[in-house]
Amino acid sequence: MSTRSVGPDEAVTSLSVGARRWMGLHAAYLNSPAAQAELPVTPRVKALLQLAMLRRYWEKCAPADPSLAEVTGVVEQVWQRPDFPQLLTLEGRHARQFELMYAALAPAGAATDAPRAVLARLAAGSYLAPGRKPPFLHLEARFYSDLAGAPHRFAPYEELYEASLLPRAATLPVADLDGCQVAHTLFYLSDFGLRDPRLPEQERERALRVVERLTDHCVGLGDWDVVAKLLLAQYCLGADPLRTPSGAAGLRMLAAAQAPDGAIPGRSATERASADATPVEYFRKSYKVTLVVALMTLVVTGGRTDEPALTAATAIRETL
């Protein structure tokens, strides 16, 4: 029985290698006849949009990674499908959000005018202008509008940040904070960690304290999905989550949760896929959080692909 401890560097590398491998092997399922028969339409559409988001940052951080080619091929095929724009609108509550993401995340290899047509329709309406949307949705819409190169009338990022939850979060109990909203606020400000969020130093430090406190809280809850997002949020604020105590704890927790196939098999410890889960159930449990872990580790490590001889997840299990 091994008693060796696993450091955050080994943990993040193991997580990244496994999550990327799993995403590369399973991405094609989302665009297969089997998935069309076995998965509800709107969750499948959302999963494909999330795959396109992952592809964008994967290409920026690790363009030579062989698994990226599998993901890129799927995204290009989907964006070339003439029926996909119609699928975006089947659930009215998310239709315009999905359409804006579709236009913003169009891959260069998808030769179609459909994303531009969708964007033109959104610009002609009221979605790319301030309205009754909450401040967080204004920030989200501004981010994707900028990504798509679309004209809009949203306030500057600095104003949208000031109207968000995060500037007030230091005075709120940690249990009352929405970790996903806090993390995504920082994702949109910083292009998922690829640009400076342009916060004053005092505000950056205050926001980092909030994120670290949230990370500790979510590690205690065993919330794998939100912890992965908060580790990336720490990076967006200029911290190294491999070196913060909460970040190192989160990485060790995720590495211990990672299955031998590379998946993170559920959004949290309490929602882990059961041993008798069907392949479809296992995929649905694992997909979102494994994608988030792949994205987080790609950005945090700058796409490093070296694989340790003994993975961190294996080493942690051997200490039990």
Foldseek 3Di string as FASTA:
>chain_A
DDQDADALVLLLLLLQQLLLLVCLVCVQVLVDPVVVVVPDLPVSLVLLLLLLLLLVLCCQQPVPDPSSVSSVVNNLVLLQDPCSLVSLPPDVVCNLVSLLSSLLSRDPNNPDCVNVVSLVVCLVDPNQEDDPDQLLVLLSSVLSCVSNVHDGHGDDLVVSVVSDDQVVQLPDDLVPDDLVSLLVNLCSLAVLLPHASPDPPVSLVSSLVSLLVNLQVCLVVQQLQSNLSSCSSNSSSVHQLSPDPSSRSSSLSQLQQADPSSFNQARGPVGGDDPPDDPVNSCVRTSNSSSSSNSSSSNSVSNDNDHDPQRSNNSVVVSD
